Amino acid sequence: MMTKATILSIFMIVLVLGMITGETQGQEMCRDVLRGQKCVAHTCATFCKQKWNGSGFCFQNGQIKNCLCTFPCKS
Protein backbone atom coordinates (compact mmCIF):
# COMPACT_ATOMS: atom_id res chain seq x y z
CA MET A 1 0.00 0.00 0.00
CA MET A 2 2.79 2.43 0.89
CA THR A 3 4.62 1.57 -2.35
CA LYS A 4 1.60 2.49 -4.47
CA ALA A 5 1.34 5.88 -2.76
CA THR A 6 5.04 6.57 -3.30
CA ILE A 7 4.90 5.59 -6.97
CA LEU A 8 1.80 7.71 -7.47
CA SER A 9 3.48 10.69 -5.77
CA ILE A 10 6.55 10.40 -8.00
CA PHE A 11 4.37 10.11 -11.11
CA MET A 12 2.39 13.22 -10.16
CA ILE A 13 5.57 15.23 -9.53
CA VAL A 14 7.01 14.23 -12.92
CA LEU A 15 3.71 15.05 -14.63
CA VAL A 16 3.39 18.50 -13.07
CA LEU A 17 7.06 19.34 -13.61
CA GLY A 18 6.71 18.32 -17.24
CA MET A 19 3.78 20.69 -17.66
CA ILE A 20 5.65 23.54 -15.97
CA THR A 21 8.82 22.93 -17.98
CA GLY A 22 6.80 23.01 -21.21
CA GLU A 23 5.77 26.58 -20.41
CA THR A 24 9.36 27.76 -20.00
CA GLN A 25 11.28 25.98 -22.76
CA GLY A 26 14.96 26.74 -22.97
CA GLN A 27 15.23 27.78 -19.33
CA GLU A 28 16.56 25.44 -16.67
CA MET A 29 14.15 24.93 -13.79
CA CYS A 30 15.16 24.36 -10.17
CA ARG A 31 13.10 22.74 -7.42
CA ASP A 32 12.97 22.88 -3.66
CA VAL A 33 10.88 20.71 -1.34
CA LEU A 34 9.71 22.39 1.86
CA ARG A 35 9.37 19.84 4.66
CA GLY A 36 8.29 19.90 8.26
CA GLN A 37 5.00 21.73 7.90
CA LYS A 38 1.48 20.73 6.92
CA CYS A 39 1.17 21.82 3.31
CA VAL A 40 -1.70 24.15 2.41
CA ALA A 41 -2.02 24.70 -1.35
CA HIS A 42 -2.58 28.47 -1.27
CA THR A 43 0.20 29.06 1.29
CA CYS A 44 2.62 26.88 -0.67
CA ALA A 45 1.92 28.69 -3.96
CA THR A 46 2.19 32.14 -2.34
CA PHE A 47 5.45 31.29 -0.54
CA CYS A 48 7.09 29.94 -3.71
CA LYS A 49 5.98 32.98 -5.70
CA GLN A 50 7.38 35.41 -3.09
CA LYS A 51 10.65 33.60 -2.36
CA TRP A 52 11.68 32.41 -5.84
CA ASN A 53 9.15 33.92 -8.25
CA GLY A 54 8.08 30.36 -9.02
CA SER A 55 5.12 28.08 -8.60
CA GLY A 56 4.33 25.69 -5.80
CA PHE A 57 1.98 22.83 -5.10
CA CYS A 58 1.38 20.24 -2.40
CA PHE A 59 2.11 16.57 -3.02
CA GLN A 60 1.54 13.50 -0.91
CA ASN A 61 4.79 11.97 0.37
CA GLY A 62 3.74 8.91 2.34
CA GLN A 63 1.66 10.15 5.28
CA ILE A 64 2.77 13.78 4.90
CA LYS A 65 2.00 16.47 2.33
CA ASN A 66 5.05 18.52 1.29
CA CYS A 67 5.29 21.75 -0.71
CA LEU A 68 7.26 21.54 -3.96
CA CYS A 69 8.50 24.83 -5.43
CA THR A 70 9.59 25.05 -9.07
CA PHE A 71 11.38 28.19 -10.25
CA PRO A 72 13.81 29.41 -12.92
CA CYS A 73 17.42 28.73 -11.94
CA LYS A 74 19.68 31.75 -11.66
CA SER A 75 22.55 31.59 -14.13
PDB file of N, CA and C in Angstrom:
ATOM      1  N   MET A   1       0.823  -1.192   0.000  1.00  0.00           N
ATOM      2  CA  MET A   1       0.000   0.000   0.000  1.00  0.00           C
ATOM      3  C   MET A   1       0.868   1.258   0.000  1.00  0.00           C
ATOM      4  N   MET A   2       1.903   1.279   0.817  1.00  0.00           N
ATOM      5  CA  MET A   2       2.794   2.430   0.891  1.00  0.00           C
ATOM      6  C   MET A   2       3.548   2.606  -0.432  1.00  0.00           C
ATOM      7  N   THR A   3       3.894   1.495  -1.085  1.00  0.00           N
ATOM      8  CA  THR A   3       4.618   1.567  -2.347  1.00  0.00           C
ATOM      9  C   THR A   3       3.762   2.217  -3.425  1.00  0.00           C
ATOM     10  N   LYS A   4       2.488   1.893  -3.482  1.00  0.00           N
ATOM     11  CA  LYS A   4       1.597   2.492  -4.472  1.00  0.00           C
ATOM     12  C   LYS A   4       1.502   3.998  -4.270  1.00  0.00           C
ATOM     13  N   ALA A   5       1.420   4.450  -3.042  1.00  0.00           N
ATOM     14  CA  ALA A   5       1.339   5.885  -2.758  1.00  0.00           C
ATOM     15  C   ALA A   5       2.614   6.592  -3.176  1.00  0.00           C
ATOM     16  N   THR A   6       3.754   5.975  -2.923  1.00  0.00           N
ATOM     17  CA  THR A   6       5.039   6.571  -3.300  1.00  0.00           C
ATOM     18  C   THR A   6       5.173   6.652  -4.814  1.00  0.00           C
ATOM     19  N   ILE A   7       4.823   5.602  -5.509  1.00  0.00           N
ATOM     20  CA  ILE A   7       4.905   5.594  -6.972  1.00  0.00           C
ATOM     21  C   ILE A   7       3.954   6.631  -7.552  1.00  0.00           C
ATOM     22  N   LEU A   8       2.756   6.718  -7.004  1.00  0.00           N
ATOM     23  CA  LEU A   8       1.795   7.713  -7.472  1.00  0.00           C
ATOM     24  C   LEU A   8       2.308   9.131  -7.226  1.00  0.00           C
ATOM     25  N   SER A   9       2.924   9.368  -6.084  1.00  0.00           N
ATOM     26  CA  SER A   9       3.483  10.693  -5.774  1.00  0.00           C
ATOM     27  C   SER A   9       4.574  11.067  -6.764  1.00  0.00           C
ATOM     28  N   ILE A  10       5.461  10.145  -7.051  1.00  0.00           N
ATOM     29  CA  ILE A  10       6.549  10.403  -8.003  1.00  0.00           C
ATOM     30  C   ILE A  10       5.980  10.682  -9.387  1.00  0.00           C
ATOM     31  N   PHE A  11       4.999   9.893  -9.806  1.00  0.00           N
ATOM     32  CA  PHE A  11       4.370  10.108 -11.106  1.00  0.00           C
ATOM     33  C   PHE A  11       3.741  11.498 -11.193  1.00  0.00           C
ATOM     34  N   MET A  12       3.035  11.910 -10.153  1.00  0.00           N
ATOM     35  CA  MET A  12       2.388  13.224 -10.158  1.00  0.00           C
ATOM     36  C   MET A  12       3.422  14.349 -10.220  1.00  0.00           C
ATOM     37  N   ILE A  13       4.517  14.206  -9.498  1.00  0.00           N
ATOM     38  CA  ILE A  13       5.572  15.225  -9.528  1.00  0.00           C
ATOM     39  C   ILE A  13       6.135  15.347 -10.932  1.00  0.00           C
ATOM     40  N   VAL A  14       6.456  14.214 -11.558  1.00  0.00           N
ATOM     41  CA  VAL A  14       7.011  14.229 -12.915  1.00  0.00           C
ATOM     42  C   VAL A  14       6.013  14.846 -13.894  1.00  0.00           C
ATOM     43  N   LEU A  15       4.741  14.504 -13.751  1.00  0.00           N
ATOM     44  CA  LEU A  15       3.709  15.045 -14.633  1.00  0.00           C
ATOM     45  C   LEU A  15       3.600  16.558 -14.506  1.00  0.00           C
ATOM     46  N   VAL A  16       3.524  17.059 -13.290  1.00  0.00           N
ATOM     47  CA  VAL A  16       3.388  18.504 -13.072  1.00  0.00           C
ATOM     48  C   VAL A  16       4.653  19.241 -13.509  1.00  0.00           C
ATOM     49  N   LEU A  17       5.811  18.688 -13.193  1.00  0.00           N
ATOM     50  CA  LEU A  17       7.058  19.340 -13.607  1.00  0.00           C
ATOM     51  C   LEU A  17       7.178  19.365 -15.126  1.00  0.00           C
ATOM     52  N   GLY A  18       6.704  18.334 -15.784  1.00  0.00           N
ATOM     53  CA  GLY A  18       6.707  18.315 -17.243  1.00  0.00           C
ATOM     54  C   GLY A  18       5.828  19.403 -17.817  1.00  0.00           C
ATOM     55  N   MET A  19       4.682  19.634 -17.198  1.00  0.00           N
ATOM     56  CA  MET A  19       3.781  20.692 -17.659  1.00  0.00           C
ATOM     57  C   MET A  19       4.401  22.061 -17.421  1.00  0.00           C
ATOM     58  N   ILE A  20       5.025  22.256 -16.285  1.00  0.00           N
ATOM     59  CA  ILE A  20       5.649  23.543 -15.967  1.00  0.00           C
ATOM     60  C   ILE A  20       6.831  23.804 -16.893  1.00  0.00           C
ATOM     61  N   THR A  21       7.640  22.787 -17.120  1.00  0.00           N
ATOM     62  CA  THR A  21       8.817  22.926 -17.979  1.00  0.00           C
ATOM     63  C   THR A  21       8.397  23.260 -19.403  1.00  0.00           C
ATOM     64  N   GLY A  22       7.286  22.713 -19.859  1.00  0.00           N
ATOM     65  CA  GLY A  22       6.796  23.009 -21.205  1.00  0.00           C
ATOM     66  C   GLY A  22       6.488  24.482 -21.390  1.00  0.00           C
ATOM     67  N   GLU A  23       6.102  25.158 -20.341  1.00  0.00           N
ATOM     68  CA  GLU A  23       5.773  26.577 -20.411  1.00  0.00           C
ATOM     69  C   GLU A  23       7.021  27.444 -20.504  1.00  0.00           C
ATOM     70  N   THR A  24       8.140  26.956 -20.035  1.00  0.00           N
ATOM     71  CA  THR A  24       9.364  27.764 -19.997  1.00  0.00           C
ATOM     72  C   THR A  24      10.484  27.035 -20.732  1.00  0.00           C
ATOM     73  N   GLN A  25      10.274  26.700 -21.991  1.00  0.00           N
ATOM     74  CA  GLN A  25      11.276  25.980 -22.764  1.00  0.00           C
ATOM     75  C   GLN A  25      12.555  26.792 -22.877  1.00  0.00           C
ATOM     76  N   GLY A  26      13.679  26.096 -22.827  1.00  0.00           N
ATOM     77  CA  GLY A  26      14.961  26.744 -22.973  1.00  0.00           C
ATOM     78  C   GLY A  26      15.518  27.307 -21.682  1.00  0.00           C
ATOM     79  N   GLN A  27      14.764  27.251 -20.613  1.00  0.00           N
ATOM     80  CA  GLN A  27      15.228  27.776 -19.334  1.00  0.00           C
ATOM     81  C   GLN A  27      15.269  26.641 -18.325  1.00  0.00           C
ATOM     82  N   GLU A  28      16.410  26.509 -17.654  1.00  0.00           N
ATOM     83  CA  GLU A  28      16.557  25.442 -16.669  1.00  0.00           C
ATOM     84  C   GLU A  28      15.729  25.759 -15.432  1.00  0.00           C
ATOM     85  N   MET A  29      15.018  24.749 -14.955  1.00  0.00           N
ATOM     86  CA  MET A  29      14.154  24.931 -13.790  1.00  0.00           C
ATOM     87  C   MET A  29      14.782  24.244 -12.575  1.00  0.00           C
ATOM     88  N   CYS A  30      14.678  24.904 -11.439  1.00  0.00           N
ATOM     89  CA  CYS A  30      15.159  24.356 -10.171  1.00  0.00           C
ATOM     90  C   CYS A  30      13.955  24.035  -9.296  1.00  0.00           C
ATOM     91  N   ARG A  31      14.177  23.146  -8.317  1.00  0.00           N
ATOM     92  CA  ARG A  31      13.098  22.737  -7.421  1.00  0.00           C
ATOM     93  C   ARG A  31      13.593  22.727  -5.987  1.00  0.00           C
ATOM     94  N   ASP A  32      12.673  22.964  -5.082  1.00  0.00           N
ATOM     95  CA  ASP A  32      12.968  22.884  -3.656  1.00  0.00           C
ATOM     96  C   ASP A  32      11.741  22.317  -2.953  1.00  0.00           C
ATOM     97  N   VAL A  33      11.968  21.318  -2.104  1.00  0.00           N
ATOM     98  CA  VAL A  33      10.882  20.709  -1.343  1.00  0.00           C
ATOM     99  C   VAL A  33      10.924  21.276   0.068  1.00  0.00           C
ATOM    100  N   LEU A  34       9.809  21.845   0.512  1.00  0.00           N
ATOM    101  CA  LEU A  34       9.709  22.390   1.862  1.00  0.00           C
ATOM    102  C   LEU A  34       9.100  21.322   2.757  1.00  0.00           C
ATOM    103  N   ARG A  35       9.831  20.906   3.769  1.00  0.00           N
ATOM    104  CA  ARG A  35       9.373  19.840   4.657  1.00  0.00           C
ATOM    105  C   ARG A  35       9.124  20.392   6.052  1.00  0.00           C
ATOM    106  N   GLY A  36       8.444  19.571   6.848  1.00  0.00           N
ATOM    107  CA  GLY A  36       8.294  19.895   8.258  1.00  0.00           C
ATOM    108  C   GLY A  36       7.033  20.658   8.611  1.00  0.00           C
ATOM    109  N   GLN A  37       6.234  21.010   7.614  1.00  0.00           N
ATOM    110  CA  GLN A  37       5.005  21.732   7.896  1.00  0.00           C
ATOM    111  C   GLN A  37       3.864  21.055   7.159  1.00  0.00           C
ATOM    112  N   LYS A  38       2.655  21.222   7.647  1.00  0.00           N
ATOM    113  CA  LYS A  38       1.484  20.729   6.924  1.00  0.00           C
ATOM    114  C   LYS A  38       1.295  21.634   5.710  1.00  0.00           C
ATOM    115  N   CYS A  39       1.266  21.038   4.545  1.00  0.00           N
ATOM    116  CA  CYS A  39       1.171  21.820   3.313  1.00  0.00           C
ATOM    117  C   CYS A  39      -0.266  22.269   3.058  1.00  0.00           C
ATOM    118  N   VAL A  40      -0.424  23.559   2.815  1.00  0.00           N
ATOM    119  CA  VAL A  40      -1.698  24.146   2.411  1.00  0.00           C
ATOM    120  C   VAL A  40      -1.459  24.744   1.026  1.00  0.00           C
ATOM    121  N   ALA A  41      -2.263  24.346   0.049  1.00  0.00           N
ATOM    122  CA  ALA A  41      -2.020  24.697  -1.352  1.00  0.00           C
ATOM    123  C   ALA A  41      -1.805  26.196  -1.570  1.00  0.00           C
ATOM    124  N   HIS A  42      -2.693  27.022  -1.050  1.00  0.00           N
ATOM    125  CA  HIS A  42      -2.583  28.469  -1.268  1.00  0.00           C
ATOM    126  C   HIS A  42      -1.308  29.032  -0.624  1.00  0.00           C
ATOM    127  N   THR A  43      -1.000  28.592   0.588  1.00  0.00           N
ATOM    128  CA  THR A  43       0.196  29.062   1.286  1.00  0.00           C
ATOM    129  C   THR A  43       1.455  28.633   0.546  1.00  0.00           C
ATOM    130  N   CYS A  44       1.472  27.398   0.076  1.00  0.00           N
ATOM    131  CA  CYS A  44       2.620  26.876  -0.666  1.00  0.00           C
ATOM    132  C   CYS A  44       2.854  27.701  -1.934  1.00  0.00           C
ATOM    133  N   ALA A  45       1.806  27.924  -2.712  1.00  0.00           N
ATOM    134  CA  ALA A  45       1.920  28.689  -3.957  1.00  0.00           C
ATOM    135  C   ALA A  45       2.387  30.116  -3.695  1.00  0.00           C
ATOM    136  N   THR A  46       1.831  30.759  -2.674  1.00  0.00           N
ATOM    137  CA  THR A  46       2.194  32.138  -2.337  1.00  0.00           C
ATOM    138  C   THR A  46       3.652  32.217  -1.893  1.00  0.00           C
ATOM    139  N   PHE A  47       4.069  31.290  -1.030  1.00  0.00           N
ATOM    140  CA  PHE A  47       5.446  31.293  -0.540  1.00  0.00           C
ATOM    141  C   PHE A  47       6.443  31.122  -1.683  1.00  0.00           C
ATOM    142  N   CYS A  48       6.180  30.186  -2.579  1.00  0.00           N
ATOM    143  CA  CYS A  48       7.093  29.939  -3.707  1.00  0.00           C
ATOM    144  C   CYS A  48       7.152  31.146  -4.639  1.00  0.00           C
ATOM    145  N   LYS A  49       6.019  31.792  -4.843  1.00  0.00           N
ATOM    146  CA  LYS A  49       5.980  32.983  -5.701  1.00  0.00           C
ATOM    147  C   LYS A  49       6.797  34.117  -5.081  1.00  0.00           C
ATOM    148  N   GLN A  50       6.662  34.323  -3.763  1.00  0.00           N
ATOM    149  CA  GLN A  50       7.375  35.406  -3.091  1.00  0.00           C
ATOM    150  C   GLN A  50       8.871  35.125  -2.987  1.00  0.00           C
ATOM    151  N   LYS A  51       9.243  33.907  -2.613  1.00  0.00           N
ATOM    152  CA  LYS A  51      10.652  33.602  -2.358  1.00  0.00           C
ATOM    153  C   LYS A  51      11.468  33.432  -3.637  1.00  0.00           C
ATOM    154  N   TRP A  52      10.904  32.719  -4.644  1.00  0.00           N
ATOM    155  CA  TRP A  52      11.685  32.407  -5.841  1.00  0.00           C
ATOM    156  C   TRP A  52      11.035  32.880  -7.135  1.00  0.00           C
ATOM    157  N   ASN A  53       9.903  33.547  -7.056  1.00  0.00           N
ATOM    158  CA  ASN A  53       9.145  33.922  -8.251  1.00  0.00           C
ATOM    159  C   ASN A  53       8.829  32.674  -9.077  1.00  0.00           C
ATOM    160  N   GLY A  54       8.401  31.631  -8.373  1.00  0.00           N
ATOM    161  CA  GLY A  54       8.083  30.364  -9.017  1.00  0.00           C
ATOM    162  C   GLY A  54       6.685  29.910  -8.657  1.00  0.00           C
ATOM    163  N   SER A  55       6.430  28.648  -8.922  1.00  0.00           N
ATOM    164  CA  SER A  55       5.119  28.078  -8.605  1.00  0.00           C
ATOM    165  C   SER A  55       5.295  26.957  -7.592  1.00  0.00           C
ATOM    166  N   GLY A  56       4.262  26.715  -6.816  1.00  0.00           N
ATOM    167  CA  GLY A  56       4.335  25.686  -5.796  1.00  0.00           C
ATOM    168  C   GLY A  56       3.042  24.920  -5.679  1.00  0.00           C
ATOM    169  N   PHE A  57       3.158  23.649  -5.315  1.00  0.00           N
ATOM    170  CA  PHE A  57       1.978  22.829  -5.095  1.00  0.00           C
ATOM    171  C   PHE A  57       2.285  21.785  -4.037  1.00  0.00           C
ATOM    172  N   CYS A  58       1.247  21.274  -3.412  1.00  0.00           N
ATOM    173  CA  CYS A  58       1.380  20.238  -2.396  1.00  0.00           C
ATOM    174  C   CYS A  58       1.356  18.872  -3.058  1.00  0.00           C
ATOM    175  N   PHE A  59       2.157  17.951  -2.543  1.00  0.00           N
ATOM    176  CA  PHE A  59       2.109  16.575  -3.019  1.00  0.00           C
ATOM    177  C   PHE A  59       2.207  15.639  -1.831  1.00  0.00           C
ATOM    178  N   GLN A  60       1.563  14.495  -1.968  1.00  0.00           N
ATOM    179  CA  GLN A  60       1.545  13.499  -0.908  1.00  0.00           C
ATOM    180  C   GLN A  60       2.856  12.735  -0.925  1.00  0.00           C
ATOM    181  N   ASN A  61       3.528  12.694   0.213  1.00  0.00           N
ATOM    182  CA  ASN A  61       4.785  11.972   0.365  1.00  0.00           C
ATOM    183  C   ASN A  61       4.608  11.017   1.541  1.00  0.00           C
ATOM    184  N   GLY A  62       4.062   9.837   1.269  1.00  0.00           N
ATOM    185  CA  GLY A  62       3.737   8.906   2.341  1.00  0.00           C
ATOM    186  C   GLY A  62       2.553   9.428   3.126  1.00  0.00           C
ATOM    187  N   GLN A  63       2.738   9.654   4.420  1.00  0.00           N
ATOM    188  CA  GLN A  63       1.660  10.146   5.280  1.00  0.00           C
ATOM    189  C   GLN A  63       1.619  11.668   5.354  1.00  0.00           C
ATOM    190  N   ILE A  64       2.605  12.327   4.761  1.00  0.00           N
ATOM    191  CA  ILE A  64       2.770  13.779   4.898  1.00  0.00           C
ATOM    192  C   ILE A  64       2.605  14.458   3.542  1.00  0.00           C
ATOM    193  N   LYS A  65       2.042  15.652   3.536  1.00  0.00           N
ATOM    194  CA  LYS A  65       2.005  16.471   2.327  1.00  0.00           C
ATOM    195  C   LYS A  65       3.144  17.486   2.416  1.00  0.00           C
ATOM    196  N   ASN A  66       3.952  17.565   1.362  1.00  0.00           N
ATOM    197  CA  ASN A  66       5.045  18.522   1.288  1.00  0.00           C
ATOM    198  C   ASN A  66       4.750  19.548   0.203  1.00  0.00           C
ATOM    199  N   CYS A  67       5.418  20.686   0.291  1.00  0.00           N
ATOM    200  CA  CYS A  67       5.294  21.750  -0.706  1.00  0.00           C
ATOM    201  C   CYS A  67       6.486  21.658  -1.659  1.00  0.00           C
ATOM    202  N   LEU A  68       6.212  21.583  -2.961  1.00  0.00           N
ATOM    203  CA  LEU A  68       7.263  21.538  -3.960  1.00  0.00           C
ATOM    204  C   LEU A  68       7.241  22.844  -4.739  1.00  0.00           C
ATOM    205  N   CYS A  69       8.355  23.580  -4.689  1.00  0.00           N
ATOM    206  CA  CYS A  69       8.496  24.832  -5.425  1.00  0.00           C
ATOM    207  C   CYS A  69       9.310  24.572  -6.693  1.00  0.00           C
ATOM    208  N   THR A  70       8.862  25.120  -7.806  1.00  0.00           N
ATOM    209  CA  THR A  70       9.589  25.050  -9.073  1.00  0.00           C
ATOM    210  C   THR A  70       9.791  26.475  -9.534  1.00  0.00           C
ATOM    211  N   PHE A  71      11.043  26.803  -9.895  1.00  0.00           N
ATOM    212  CA  PHE A  71      11.376  28.186 -10.246  1.00  0.00           C
ATOM    213  C   PHE A  71      12.544  28.219 -11.212  1.00  0.00           C
ATOM    214  N   PRO A  72      12.686  29.297 -11.988  1.00  0.00           N
ATOM    215  CA  PRO A  72      13.806  29.411 -12.916  1.00  0.00           C
ATOM    216  C   PRO A  72      15.126  29.488 -12.153  1.00  0.00           C
ATOM    217  N   CYS A  73      16.102  28.691 -12.569  1.00  0.00           N
ATOM    218  CA  CYS A  73      17.420  28.729 -11.942  1.00  0.00           C
ATOM    219  C   CYS A  73      18.123  30.035 -12.297  1.00  0.00           C
ATOM    220  N   LYS A  74      18.886  30.541 -11.383  1.00  0.00           N
ATOM    221  CA  LYS A  74      19.677  31.747 -11.656  1.00  0.00           C
ATOM    222  C   LYS A  74      20.964  31.297 -12.327  1.00  0.00           C
ATOM    223  N   SER A  75      21.332  31.983 -13.411  1.00  0.00           N
ATOM    224  CA  SER A  75      22.547  31.590 -14.126  1.00  0.00           C
ATOM    225  C   SER A  75      23.758  32.338 -13.651  1.00  0.00           C
TER     226      SER A  75
END
